[in-house]
PDB file of N, CA and C in Angstrom:
ATOM      1  N   MET A   1     140.396 195.870   9.610  1.00  0.00           N
ATOM      2  CA  MET A   1     141.784 196.239   9.775  1.00  0.00           C
ATOM      3  C   MET A   1     142.649 195.350   8.879  1.00  0.00           C
ATOM      4  N   VAL A   2     143.541 195.978   8.147  1.00  0.00           N
ATOM      5  CA  VAL A   2     144.419 195.263   7.228  1.00  0.00           C
ATOM      6  C   VAL A   2     145.709 194.902   7.944  1.00  0.00           C
ATOM      7  N   GLU A   3     146.130 193.658   7.797  1.00  0.00           N
ATOM      8  CA  GLU A   3     147.412 193.216   8.329  1.00  0.00           C
ATOM      9  C   GLU A   3     148.326 192.920   7.154  1.00  0.00           C
ATOM     10  N   ASN A   4     149.459 193.582   7.097  1.00  0.00           N
ATOM     11  CA  ASN A   4     150.461 193.287   6.091  1.00  0.00           C
ATOM     12  C   ASN A   4     151.506 192.380   6.704  1.00  0.00           C
ATOM     13  N   VAL A   5     151.961 191.395   5.938  1.00  0.00           N
ATOM     14  CA  VAL A   5     152.985 190.476   6.398  1.00  0.00           C
ATOM     15  C   VAL A   5     154.312 190.880   5.767  1.00  0.00           C
ATOM     16  N   ILE A   6     155.332 191.044   6.603  1.00  0.00           N
ATOM     17  CA  ILE A   6     156.666 191.372   6.126  1.00  0.00           C
ATOM     18  C   ILE A   6     157.589 190.205   6.487  1.00  0.00           C
ATOM     19  N   TRP A   7     158.132 189.553   5.474  1.00  0.00           N
ATOM     20  CA  TRP A   7     159.072 188.461   5.668  1.00  0.00           C
ATOM     21  C   TRP A   7     160.487 189.016   5.578  1.00  0.00           C
ATOM     22  N   PRO A   8     161.439 188.492   6.349  1.00  0.00           N
ATOM     23  CA  PRO A   8     162.827 188.956   6.252  1.00  0.00           C
ATOM     24  C   PRO A   8     163.407 188.837   4.843  1.00  0.00           C
ATOM     25  N   ALA A   9     162.963 187.871   4.075  1.00  0.00           N
ATOM     26  CA  ALA A   9     163.466 187.696   2.706  1.00  0.00           C
ATOM     27  C   ALA A   9     163.182 188.920   1.835  1.00  0.00           C
ATOM     28  N   TYR A  10     162.136 189.679   2.141  1.00  0.00           N
ATOM     29  CA  TYR A  10     161.803 190.878   1.370  1.00  0.00           C
ATOM     30  C   TYR A  10     162.940 191.897   1.398  1.00  0.00           C
ATOM     31  N   LEU A  11     163.727 191.908   2.480  1.00  0.00           N
ATOM     32  CA  LEU A  11     164.762 192.917   2.689  1.00  0.00           C
ATOM     33  C   LEU A  11     166.171 192.352   2.617  1.00  0.00           C
ATOM     34  N   ASP A  12     166.321 191.070   2.299  1.00  0.00           N
ATOM     35  CA  ASP A  12     167.607 190.381   2.364  1.00  0.00           C
ATOM     36  C   ASP A  12     168.430 190.613   1.095  1.00  0.00           C
ATOM     37  N   ALA A  13     169.599 191.217   1.259  1.00  0.00           N
ATOM     38  CA  ALA A  13     170.458 191.547   0.117  1.00  0.00           C
ATOM     39  C   ALA A  13     171.031 190.300  -0.562  1.00  0.00           C
ATOM     40  N   SER A  14     171.082 189.177   0.140  1.00  0.00           N
ATOM     41  CA  SER A  14     171.630 187.958  -0.449  1.00  0.00           C
ATOM     42  C   SER A  14     170.609 187.228  -1.327  1.00  0.00           C
ATOM     43  N   LYS A  15     169.377 187.673  -1.313  1.00  0.00           N
ATOM     44  CA  LYS A  15     168.321 187.051  -2.124  1.00  0.00           C
ATOM     45  C   LYS A  15     168.171 187.783  -3.459  1.00  0.00           C
ATOM     46  N   THR A  16     167.708 187.049  -4.455  1.00  0.00           N
ATOM     47  CA  THR A  16     167.361 187.666  -5.732  1.00  0.00           C
ATOM     48  C   THR A  16     165.889 188.035  -5.703  1.00  0.00           C
ATOM     49  N   ARG A  17     165.449 188.750  -6.709  1.00  0.00           N
ATOM     50  CA  ARG A  17     164.016 189.068  -6.796  1.00  0.00           C
ATOM     51  C   ARG A  17     163.197 187.789  -6.880  1.00  0.00           C
ATOM     52  N   ALA A  18     163.679 186.806  -7.616  1.00  0.00           N
ATOM     53  CA  ALA A  18     162.957 185.533  -7.749  1.00  0.00           C
ATOM     54  C   ALA A  18     162.885 184.779  -6.433  1.00  0.00           C
ATOM     55  N   GLU A  19     163.854 185.012  -5.554  1.00  0.00           N
ATOM     56  CA  GLU A  19     163.867 184.349  -4.252  1.00  0.00           C
ATOM     57  C   GLU A  19     163.068 185.102  -3.204  1.00  0.00           C
ATOM     58  N   GLY A  20     162.508 186.260  -3.580  1.00  0.00           N
ATOM     59  CA  GLY A  20     161.603 186.943  -2.677  1.00  0.00           C
ATOM     60  C   GLY A  20     161.973 188.357  -2.273  1.00  0.00           C
ATOM     61  N   ARG A  21     163.157 188.860  -2.683  1.00  0.00           N
ATOM     62  CA  ARG A  21     163.527 190.226  -2.303  1.00  0.00           C
ATOM     63  C   ARG A  21     162.610 191.211  -3.020  1.00  0.00           C
ATOM     64  N   ARG A  22     162.118 192.220  -2.301  1.00  0.00           N
ATOM     65  CA  ARG A  22     161.170 193.177  -2.866  1.00  0.00           C
ATOM     66  C   ARG A  22     161.700 194.597  -2.944  1.00  0.00           C
ATOM     67  N   VAL A  23     162.910 194.810  -2.475  1.00  0.00           N
ATOM     68  CA  VAL A  23     163.508 196.150  -2.531  1.00  0.00           C
ATOM     69  C   VAL A  23     164.760 196.083  -3.394  1.00  0.00           C
ATOM     70  N   PRO A  24     165.201 197.225  -3.942  1.00  0.00           N
ATOM     71  CA  PRO A  24     166.453 197.225  -4.702  1.00  0.00           C
ATOM     72  C   PRO A  24     167.616 196.759  -3.829  1.00  0.00           C
ATOM     73  N   ARG A  25     168.589 196.131  -4.451  1.00  0.00           N
ATOM     74  CA  ARG A  25     169.710 195.567  -3.689  1.00  0.00           C
ATOM     75  C   ARG A  25     170.453 196.621  -2.871  1.00  0.00           C
ATOM     76  N   ASP A  26     170.521 197.861  -3.348  1.00  0.00           N
ATOM     77  CA  ASP A  26     171.231 198.896  -2.593  1.00  0.00           C
ATOM     78  C   ASP A  26     170.459 199.348  -1.352  1.00  0.00           C
ATOM     79  N   GLN A  27     169.168 199.035  -1.265  1.00  0.00           N
ATOM     80  CA  GLN A  27     168.384 199.345  -0.065  1.00  0.00           C
ATOM     81  C   GLN A  27     168.255 198.143   0.863  1.00  0.00           C
ATOM     82  N   ALA A  28     168.609 196.960   0.366  1.00  0.00           N
ATOM     83  CA  ALA A  28     168.493 195.731   1.159  1.00  0.00           C
ATOM     84  C   ALA A  28     169.665 195.625   2.138  1.00  0.00           C
ATOM     85  N   VAL A  29     169.496 194.776   3.156  1.00  0.00           N
ATOM     86  CA  VAL A  29     170.543 194.545   4.159  1.00  0.00           C
ATOM     87  C   VAL A  29     170.836 193.053   4.231  1.00  0.00           C
ATOM     88  N   ASP A  30     172.003 192.706   4.750  1.00  0.00           N
ATOM     89  CA  ASP A  30     172.371 191.305   4.891  1.00  0.00           C
ATOM     90  C   ASP A  30     171.672 190.689   6.095  1.00  0.00           C
ATOM     91  N   ASP A  31     170.980 189.603   5.866  1.00  0.00           N
ATOM     92  CA  ASP A  31     170.354 188.797   6.909  1.00  0.00           C
ATOM     93  C   ASP A  31     169.564 189.622   7.929  1.00  0.00           C
ATOM     94  N   PRO A  32     168.479 190.277   7.505  1.00  0.00           N
ATOM     95  CA  PRO A  32     167.667 191.048   8.461  1.00  0.00           C
ATOM     96  C   PRO A  32     166.934 190.113   9.432  1.00  0.00           C
ATOM     97  N   THR A  33     166.734 190.582  10.640  1.00  0.00           N
ATOM     98  CA  THR A  33     166.023 189.791  11.646  1.00  0.00           C
ATOM     99  C   THR A  33     164.618 190.355  11.848  1.00  0.00           C
ATOM    100  N   VAL A  34     163.738 189.542  12.405  1.00  0.00           N
ATOM    101  CA  VAL A  34     162.377 190.017  12.674  1.00  0.00           C
ATOM    102  C   VAL A  34     162.377 191.107  13.735  1.00  0.00           C
ATOM    103  N   ASP A  35     163.355 191.084  14.640  1.00  0.00           N
ATOM    104  CA  ASP A  35     163.444 192.133  15.662  1.00  0.00           C
ATOM    105  C   ASP A  35     163.780 193.478  15.031  1.00  0.00           C
ATOM    106  N   GLU A  36     164.708 193.480  14.076  1.00  0.00           N
ATOM    107  CA  GLU A  36     165.055 194.719  13.368  1.00  0.00           C
ATOM    108  C   GLU A  36     163.863 195.232  12.565  1.00  0.00           C
ATOM    109  N   ILE A  37     163.179 194.309  11.917  1.00  0.00           N
ATOM    110  CA  ILE A  37     162.024 194.695  11.095  1.00  0.00           C
ATOM    111  C   ILE A  37     160.923 195.267  11.978  1.00  0.00           C
ATOM    112  N   ALA A  38     160.655 194.625  13.112  1.00  0.00           N
ATOM    113  CA  ALA A  38     159.615 195.111  14.026  1.00  0.00           C
ATOM    114  C   ALA A  38     159.965 196.493  14.571  1.00  0.00           C
ATOM    115  N   GLU A  39     161.239 196.716  14.883  1.00  0.00           N
ATOM    116  CA  GLU A  39     161.655 198.033  15.368  1.00  0.00           C
ATOM    117  C   GLU A  39     161.478 199.087  14.276  1.00  0.00           C
ATOM    118  N   ALA A  40     161.801 198.728  13.033  1.00  0.00           N
ATOM    119  CA  ALA A  40     161.627 199.649  11.906  1.00  0.00           C
ATOM    120  C   ALA A  40     160.144 199.953  11.671  1.00  0.00           C
ATOM    121  N   VAL A  41     159.281 198.943  11.820  1.00  0.00           N
ATOM    122  CA  VAL A  41     157.836 199.148  11.660  1.00  0.00           C
ATOM    123  C   VAL A  41     157.338 200.152  12.689  1.00  0.00           C
ATOM    124  N   GLN A  42     157.811 200.029  13.919  1.00  0.00           N
ATOM    125  CA  GLN A  42     157.396 200.962  14.960  1.00  0.00           C
ATOM    126  C   GLN A  42     157.926 202.362  14.694  1.00  0.00           C
ATOM    127  N   GLN A  43     159.122 202.470  14.118  1.00  0.00           N
ATOM    128  CA  GLN A  43     159.669 203.777  13.752  1.00  0.00           C
ATOM    129  C   GLN A  43     158.835 204.433  12.654  1.00  0.00           C
ATOM    130  N   VAL A  44     158.293 203.613  11.749  1.00  0.00           N
ATOM    131  CA  VAL A  44     157.447 204.134  10.677  1.00  0.00           C
ATOM    132  C   VAL A  44     156.104 204.597  11.235  1.00  0.00           C
ATOM    133  N   GLY A  45     155.683 204.022  12.365  1.00  0.00           N
ATOM    134  CA  GLY A  45     154.467 204.484  13.025  1.00  0.00           C
ATOM    135  C   GLY A  45     153.330 203.490  13.076  1.00  0.00           C
ATOM    136  N   TYR A  46     153.639 202.228  12.886  1.00  0.00           N
ATOM    137  CA  TYR A  46     152.601 201.197  12.927  1.00  0.00           C
ATOM    138  C   TYR A  46     152.908 200.191  14.023  1.00  0.00           C
ATOM    139  N   ASP A  47     151.917 199.376  14.365  1.00  0.00           N
ATOM    140  CA  ASP A  47     152.102 198.329  15.364  1.00  0.00           C
ATOM    141  C   ASP A  47     152.650 197.080  14.687  1.00  0.00           C
ATOM    142  N   ALA A  48     153.564 196.393  15.370  1.00  0.00           N
ATOM    143  CA  ALA A  48     154.191 195.193  14.821  1.00  0.00           C
ATOM    144  C   ALA A  48     153.971 194.013  15.758  1.00  0.00           C
ATOM    145  N   VAL A  49     153.677 192.858  15.174  1.00  0.00           N
ATOM    146  CA  VAL A  49     153.552 191.611  15.918  1.00  0.00           C
ATOM    147  C   VAL A  49     154.526 190.624  15.298  1.00  0.00           C
ATOM    148  N   ILE A  50     155.432 190.076  16.117  1.00  0.00           N
ATOM    149  CA  ILE A  50     156.431 189.126  15.628  1.00  0.00           C
ATOM    150  C   ILE A  50     155.903 187.708  15.791  1.00  0.00           C
ATOM    151  N   GLU A  51     156.001 186.930  14.718  1.00  0.00           N
ATOM    152  CA  GLU A  51     155.691 185.499  14.766  1.00  0.00           C
ATOM    153  C   GLU A  51     156.967 184.761  14.381  1.00  0.00           C
ATOM    154  N   ARG A  52     157.652 184.206  15.370  1.00  0.00           N
ATOM    155  CA  ARG A  52     158.982 183.628  15.158  1.00  0.00           C
ATOM    156  C   ARG A  52     158.978 182.231  14.545  1.00  0.00           C
ATOM    157  N   ASP A  53     157.894 181.497  14.627  1.00  0.00           N
ATOM    158  CA  ASP A  53     157.873 180.108  14.176  1.00  0.00           C
ATOM    159  C   ASP A  53     157.382 179.930  12.744  1.00  0.00           C
ATOM    160  N   LYS A  54     157.315 180.987  11.969  1.00  0.00           N
ATOM    161  CA  LYS A  54     156.806 180.916  10.603  1.00  0.00           C
ATOM    162  C   LYS A  54     157.965 180.829   9.614  1.00  0.00           C
ATOM    163  N   THR A  55     157.709 180.147   8.486  1.00  0.00           N
ATOM    164  CA  THR A  55     158.711 179.976   7.444  1.00  0.00           C
ATOM    165  C   THR A  55     158.172 180.500   6.127  1.00  0.00           C
ATOM    166  N   TYR A  56     158.946 181.361   5.481  1.00  0.00           N
ATOM    167  CA  TYR A  56     158.593 181.896   4.169  1.00  0.00           C
ATOM    168  C   TYR A  56     158.570 180.747   3.168  1.00  0.00           C
ATOM    169  N   SER A  57     157.634 180.762   2.254  1.00  0.00           N
ATOM    170  CA  SER A  57     157.427 179.640   1.346  1.00  0.00           C
ATOM    171  C   SER A  57     158.617 179.366   0.426  1.00  0.00           C
ATOM    172  N   ARG A  58     159.479 180.339   0.212  1.00  0.00           N
ATOM    173  CA  ARG A  58     160.637 180.141  -0.666  1.00  0.00           C
ATOM    174  C   ARG A  58     161.912 179.831   0.109  1.00  0.00           C
ATOM    175  N   GLU A  59     161.806 179.621   1.403  1.00  0.00           N
ATOM    176  CA  GLU A  59     162.962 179.296   2.244  1.00  0.00           C
ATOM    177  C   GLU A  59     162.696 178.000   3.000  1.00  0.00           C
ATOM    178  N   PHE A  60     163.767 177.428   3.571  1.00  0.00           N
ATOM    179  CA  PHE A  60     163.632 176.187   4.327  1.00  0.00           C
ATOM    180  C   PHE A  60     163.712 176.400   5.828  1.00  0.00           C
ATOM    181  N   ASP A  61     164.510 177.351   6.253  1.00  0.00           N
ATOM    182  CA  ASP A  61     164.690 177.606   7.679  1.00  0.00           C
ATOM    183  C   ASP A  61     163.697 178.651   8.165  1.00  0.00           C
ATOM    184  N   PRO A  62     163.051 178.404   9.301  1.00  0.00           N
ATOM    185  CA  PRO A  62     162.111 179.403   9.835  1.00  0.00           C
ATOM    186  C   PRO A  62     162.859 180.622  10.377  1.00  0.00           C
ATOM    187  N   ARG A  63     162.570 181.808   9.801  1.00  0.00           N
ATOM    188  CA  ARG A  63     163.153 183.058  10.298  1.00  0.00           C
ATOM    189  C   ARG A  63     162.076 183.934  10.915  1.00  0.00           C
ATOM    190  N   GLY A  64     160.831 183.516  10.809  1.00  0.00           N
ATOM    191  CA  GLY A  64     159.733 184.293  11.360  1.00  0.00           C
ATOM    192  C   GLY A  64     159.198 185.295  10.364  1.00  0.00           C
ATOM    193  N   ARG A  65     158.224 186.072  10.836  1.00  0.00           N
ATOM    194  CA  ARG A  65     157.631 187.132  10.029  1.00  0.00           C
ATOM    195  C   ARG A  65     157.118 188.210  10.972  1.00  0.00           C
ATOM    196  N   VAL A  66     156.817 189.371  10.395  1.00  0.00           N
ATOM    197  CA  VAL A  66     156.284 190.483  11.179  1.00  0.00           C
ATOM    198  C   VAL A  66     154.952 190.884  10.584  1.00  0.00           C
ATOM    199  N   LEU A  67     153.932 190.933  11.421  1.00  0.00           N
ATOM    200  CA  LEU A  67     152.613 191.408  10.997  1.00  0.00           C
ATOM    201  C   LEU A  67     152.533 192.892  11.313  1.00  0.00           C
ATOM    202  N   VAL A  68     152.184 193.679  10.311  1.00  0.00           N
ATOM    203  CA  VAL A  68     152.062 195.128  10.478  1.00  0.00           C
ATOM    204  C   VAL A  68     150.576 195.457  10.570  1.00  0.00           C
ATOM    205  N   GLN A  69     150.164 196.024  11.681  1.00  0.00           N
ATOM    206  CA  GLN A  69     148.754 196.329  11.904  1.00  0.00           C
ATOM    207  C   GLN A  69     148.515 197.830  11.792  1.00  0.00           C
ATOM    208  N   GLY A  70     147.385 198.178  11.223  1.00  0.00           N
ATOM    209  CA  GLY A  70     146.989 199.573  11.147  1.00  0.00           C
ATOM    210  C   GLY A  70     147.584 200.338   9.984  1.00  0.00           C
ATOM    211  N   ALA A  71     148.094 199.640   8.991  1.00  0.00           N
ATOM    212  CA  ALA A  71     148.711 200.311   7.841  1.00  0.00           C
ATOM    213  C   ALA A  71     147.711 200.436   6.698  1.00  0.00           C
ATOM    214  N   ASP A  72     146.521 200.909   7.017  1.00  0.00           N
ATOM    215  CA  ASP A  72     145.471 201.021   6.005  1.00  0.00           C
ATOM    216  C   ASP A  72     145.755 202.133   4.997  1.00  0.00           C
ATOM    217  N   ASP A  73     146.588 203.101   5.381  1.00  0.00           N
ATOM    218  CA  ASP A  73     146.826 204.261   4.526  1.00  0.00           C
ATOM    219  C   ASP A  73     148.027 204.106   3.606  1.00  0.00           C
ATOM    220  N   ALA A  74     148.700 202.955   3.619  1.00  0.00           N
ATOM    221  CA  ALA A  74     149.900 202.752   2.803  1.00  0.00           C
ATOM    222  C   ALA A  74     149.786 201.473   1.993  1.00  0.00           C
ATOM    223  N   THR A  75     150.359 201.493   0.791  1.00  0.00           N
ATOM    224  CA  THR A  75     150.415 200.268   0.003  1.00  0.00           C
ATOM    225  C   THR A  75     151.518 199.381   0.568  1.00  0.00           C
ATOM    226  N   LYS A  76     151.465 198.103   0.254  1.00  0.00           N
ATOM    227  CA  LYS A  76     152.471 197.189   0.776  1.00  0.00           C
ATOM    228  C   LYS A  76     153.856 197.549   0.249  1.00  0.00           C
ATOM    229  N   ASN A  77     153.945 197.951  -1.008  1.00  0.00           N
ATOM    230  CA  ASN A  77     155.232 198.315  -1.583  1.00  0.00           C
ATOM    231  C   ASN A  77     155.832 199.524  -0.858  1.00  0.00           C
ATOM    232  N   ASP A  78     155.023 200.550  -0.612  1.00  0.00           N
ATOM    233  CA  ASP A  78     155.503 201.724   0.115  1.00  0.00           C
ATOM    234  C   ASP A  78     155.953 201.348   1.522  1.00  0.00           C
ATOM    235  N   LEU A  79     155.208 200.463   2.150  1.00  0.00           N
ATOM    236  CA  LEU A  79     155.527 200.014   3.503  1.00  0.00           C
ATOM    237  C   LEU A  79     156.866 199.274   3.535  1.00  0.00           C
ATOM    238  N   VAL A  80     157.072 198.369   2.594  1.00  0.00           N
ATOM    239  CA  VAL A  80     158.320 197.599   2.543  1.00  0.00           C
ATOM    240  C   VAL A  80     159.505 198.528   2.272  1.00  0.00           C
ATOM    241  N   GLN A  81     159.323 199.500   1.386  1.00  0.00           N
ATOM    242  CA  GLN A  81     160.400 200.461   1.087  1.00  0.00           C
ATOM    243  C   GLN A  81     160.778 201.264   2.338  1.00  0.00           C
ATOM    244  N   ALA A  82     159.784 201.740   3.067  1.00  0.00           N
ATOM    245  CA  ALA A  82     160.038 202.524   4.275  1.00  0.00           C
ATOM    246  C   ALA A  82     160.720 201.683   5.349  1.00  0.00           C
ATOM    247  N   ILE A  83     160.277 200.452   5.504  1.00  0.00           N
ATOM    248  CA  ILE A  83     160.876 199.561   6.502  1.00  0.00           C
ATOM    249  C   ILE A  83     162.327 199.268   6.134  1.00  0.00           C
ATOM    250  N   ALA A  84     162.593 199.033   4.858  1.00  0.00           N
ATOM    251  CA  ALA A  84     163.965 198.777   4.411  1.00  0.00           C
ATOM    252  C   ALA A  84     164.864 199.970   4.717  1.00  0.00           C
ATOM    253  N   ALA A  85     164.359 201.171   4.492  1.00  0.00           N
ATOM    254  CA  ALA A  85     165.145 202.375   4.773  1.00  0.00           C
ATOM    255  C   ALA A  85     165.477 202.470   6.261  1.00  0.00           C
ATOM    256  N   TYR A  86     164.508 202.183   7.128  1.00  0.00           N
ATOM    257  CA  TYR A  86     164.755 202.269   8.567  1.00  0.00           C
ATOM    258  C   TYR A  86     165.672 201.164   9.067  1.00  0.00           C
ATOM    259  N   VAL A  87     165.567 199.961   8.501  1.00  0.00           N
ATOM    260  CA  VAL A  87     166.484 198.884   8.907  1.00  0.00           C
ATOM    261  C   VAL A  87     167.908 199.262   8.528  1.00  0.00           C
ATOM    262  N   GLY A  88     168.074 199.870   7.355  1.00  0.00           N
ATOM    263  CA  GLY A  88     169.396 200.344   6.959  1.00  0.00           C
ATOM    264  C   GLY A  88     169.942 201.389   7.911  1.00  0.00           C
ATOM    265  N   ILE A  89     169.076 202.300   8.359  1.00  0.00           N
ATOM    266  CA  ILE A  89     169.492 203.336   9.315  1.00  0.00           C
ATOM    267  C   ILE A  89     169.837 202.707  10.674  1.00  0.00           C
ATOM    268  N   LEU A  90     169.054 201.717  11.104  1.00  0.00           N
ATOM    269  CA  LEU A  90     169.315 201.071  12.385  1.00  0.00           C
ATOM    270  C   LEU A  90     170.656 200.323  12.384  1.00  0.00           C
ATOM    271  N   ARG A  91     171.060 199.844  11.221  1.00  0.00           N
ATOM    272  CA  ARG A  91     172.323 199.107  11.116  1.00  0.00           C
ATOM    273  C   ARG A  91     173.535 200.031  11.191  1.00  0.00           C
ATOM    274  N   GLU A  92     173.356 201.300  10.890  1.00  0.00           N
ATOM    275  CA  GLU A  92     174.507 202.234  10.873  1.00  0.00           C
ATOM    276  C   GLU A  92     174.927 202.654  12.252  1.00  0.00           C
TER     277      GLU A  92
END
């Protein structure tokens, strides 16, 4: 079983690509939380596990991460794009 790790920095509009953002700025959101990401993962149809005490290597403050389980049929890029779209919808 493949576990994909989704860090909040991947979807953060305040980050640059060099700082870890993986989606276009128009699809990114300001300061995404692991709870929003986990809810978006479940909307996409996969299981999510939140680890709140983890820190992304390019950041100093721990914001946590989300482990996506059972996403064997999707590439990580496709998964991040779909999650970003759902987080944007959840914010509206």
